């Protein structure tokens, strides 16, 4: 429910319709100029945009961060995949050892 709420919030913010298909896809929304967007949602007010390092450039065009809990959300920002998927944003979680691209909110558009 949180993820779907975040996708709807981003869609409202971007003035587009969310993709409501039953089958999962690599992206959640098609935005301006047919750019695909993967929306990430967290309830942490100071959370980061985190994308699995298993994702590849070309999977989607843009990653967006939405913060909140159902039914109240805000769009924290977004970043193009080619900007996000760089060594600058690679991060390994100490506790789990998982590697992600991690972007602080202040670096988002």
Protein backbone atom coordinates (compact mmCIF):
# COMPACT_ATOMS: atom_id res chain seq x y z
CA UNK A 1 0.00 0.00 0.00
CA UNK A 2 2.88 2.38 0.79
CA UNK A 3 4.51 1.84 -2.60
CA UNK A 4 1.25 2.28 -4.50
CA UNK A 5 0.50 5.42 -2.48
CA UNK A 6 3.93 6.82 -3.39
CA UNK A 7 3.36 6.07 -7.07
CA UNK A 8 -0.01 7.83 -7.01
CA UNK A 9 1.49 10.82 -5.17
CA UNK A 10 4.29 11.14 -7.74
CA UNK A 11 1.81 10.81 -10.60
CA UNK A 12 -0.36 13.57 -9.15
CA UNK A 13 2.71 15.78 -8.69
CA UNK A 14 3.91 15.08 -12.26
CA UNK A 15 0.39 15.45 -13.72
CA UNK A 16 0.37 11.97 -15.29
CA UNK A 17 -1.59 8.77 -14.77
CA UNK A 18 0.12 5.95 -12.84
CA UNK A 19 0.55 2.58 -14.50
CA UNK A 20 -2.13 0.48 -12.80
CA UNK A 21 -1.37 -2.83 -14.57
CA UNK A 22 -1.55 -5.98 -12.48
CA UNK A 23 1.77 -7.26 -13.84
CA UNK A 24 4.95 -5.68 -12.46
CA UNK A 25 7.22 -3.73 -14.77
CA UNK A 26 10.63 -2.09 -14.38
CA UNK A 27 8.97 1.32 -14.16
CA UNK A 28 5.96 2.81 -12.39
CA UNK A 29 5.16 5.93 -14.42
CA UNK A 30 5.75 7.27 -17.93
CA UNK A 31 6.55 10.97 -17.67
CA UNK A 32 7.55 13.79 -20.04
CA UNK A 33 9.05 12.79 -23.39
CA UNK A 34 8.13 9.13 -22.67
CA UNK A 35 10.72 8.88 -19.88
CA UNK A 36 10.14 5.96 -17.52
CA UNK A 37 10.17 6.57 -13.76
CA UNK A 38 10.71 4.09 -10.92
CA UNK A 39 9.22 5.57 -7.75
CA UNK A 40 10.81 4.65 -4.41
CA UNK A 41 8.83 5.33 -1.23
CA UNK A 42 9.98 5.58 2.40
CA UNK A 43 8.36 6.70 5.64
CA UNK A 44 11.67 8.12 6.91
CA UNK A 45 11.45 11.94 6.76
CA UNK A 46 15.19 12.28 6.11
CA UNK A 47 15.42 9.13 3.97
CA UNK A 48 17.59 8.72 0.91
CA UNK A 49 16.73 7.61 -2.59
CA UNK A 50 18.09 4.06 -2.70
CA UNK A 51 18.29 1.91 -5.82
CA UNK A 52 19.65 -1.62 -5.85
CA UNK A 53 23.07 -1.90 -7.46
CA UNK A 54 21.60 -4.86 -9.39
CA UNK A 55 19.65 -2.38 -11.53
CA UNK A 56 21.22 -1.38 -14.83
CA UNK A 57 21.28 1.83 -16.82
CA UNK A 58 18.54 1.55 -19.39
CA UNK A 59 16.12 -0.26 -17.05
CA UNK A 60 14.40 3.10 -16.40
CA UNK A 61 15.23 6.72 -17.19
CA UNK A 62 14.52 8.38 -13.82
CA UNK A 63 14.33 7.37 -10.16
CA UNK A 64 12.08 9.38 -7.82
CA UNK A 65 11.81 9.53 -4.02
CA UNK A 66 8.48 9.95 -2.26
CA UNK A 67 8.30 10.31 1.52
CA UNK A 68 5.34 9.70 3.81
CA UNK A 69 2.81 7.22 5.08
CA UNK A 70 -0.56 6.45 3.60
CA UNK A 71 -2.47 8.65 2.89
CA UNK A 72 -0.05 11.61 3.18
CA UNK A 73 3.02 11.84 0.91
CA UNK A 74 5.42 14.40 -0.52
CA UNK A 75 7.72 14.16 -3.52
CA UNK A 76 11.27 14.71 -2.26
CA UNK A 77 12.75 14.79 -5.76
CA UNK A 78 14.14 12.72 -8.58
CA UNK A 79 17.37 11.97 -10.44
CA UNK A 80 18.11 10.63 -13.93
CA UNK A 81 19.56 7.11 -13.90
CA UNK A 82 22.76 8.16 -15.70
CA UNK A 83 23.47 10.70 -12.92
CA UNK A 84 22.52 8.36 -10.07
CA UNK A 85 24.39 5.27 -11.26
CA UNK A 86 27.91 6.55 -10.62
CA UNK A 87 30.64 5.65 -8.14
CA UNK A 88 29.84 8.84 -6.22
CA UNK A 89 26.55 7.36 -5.01
CA UNK A 90 27.59 3.71 -4.45
CA UNK A 91 26.96 2.72 -0.84
CA UNK A 92 27.25 -0.56 1.08
CA UNK A 93 24.99 -1.05 4.08
CA UNK A 94 27.12 -2.03 7.08
CA UNK A 95 24.50 -4.27 8.67
CA UNK A 96 23.37 -6.21 5.59
CA UNK A 97 26.30 -5.80 3.22
CA UNK A 98 23.91 -4.95 0.36
CA UNK A 99 25.14 -2.42 -2.18
CA UNK A 100 22.90 0.36 -3.47
CA UNK A 101 23.11 3.69 -5.18
CA UNK A 102 22.17 6.07 -2.38
CA UNK A 103 21.34 9.73 -2.95
CA UNK A 104 20.60 12.26 -0.18
CA UNK A 105 17.51 14.41 -0.67
CA UNK A 106 19.57 17.59 -1.14
CA UNK A 107 21.13 16.11 -4.32
CA UNK A 108 17.74 15.43 -5.93
CA UNK A 109 16.01 17.73 -8.41
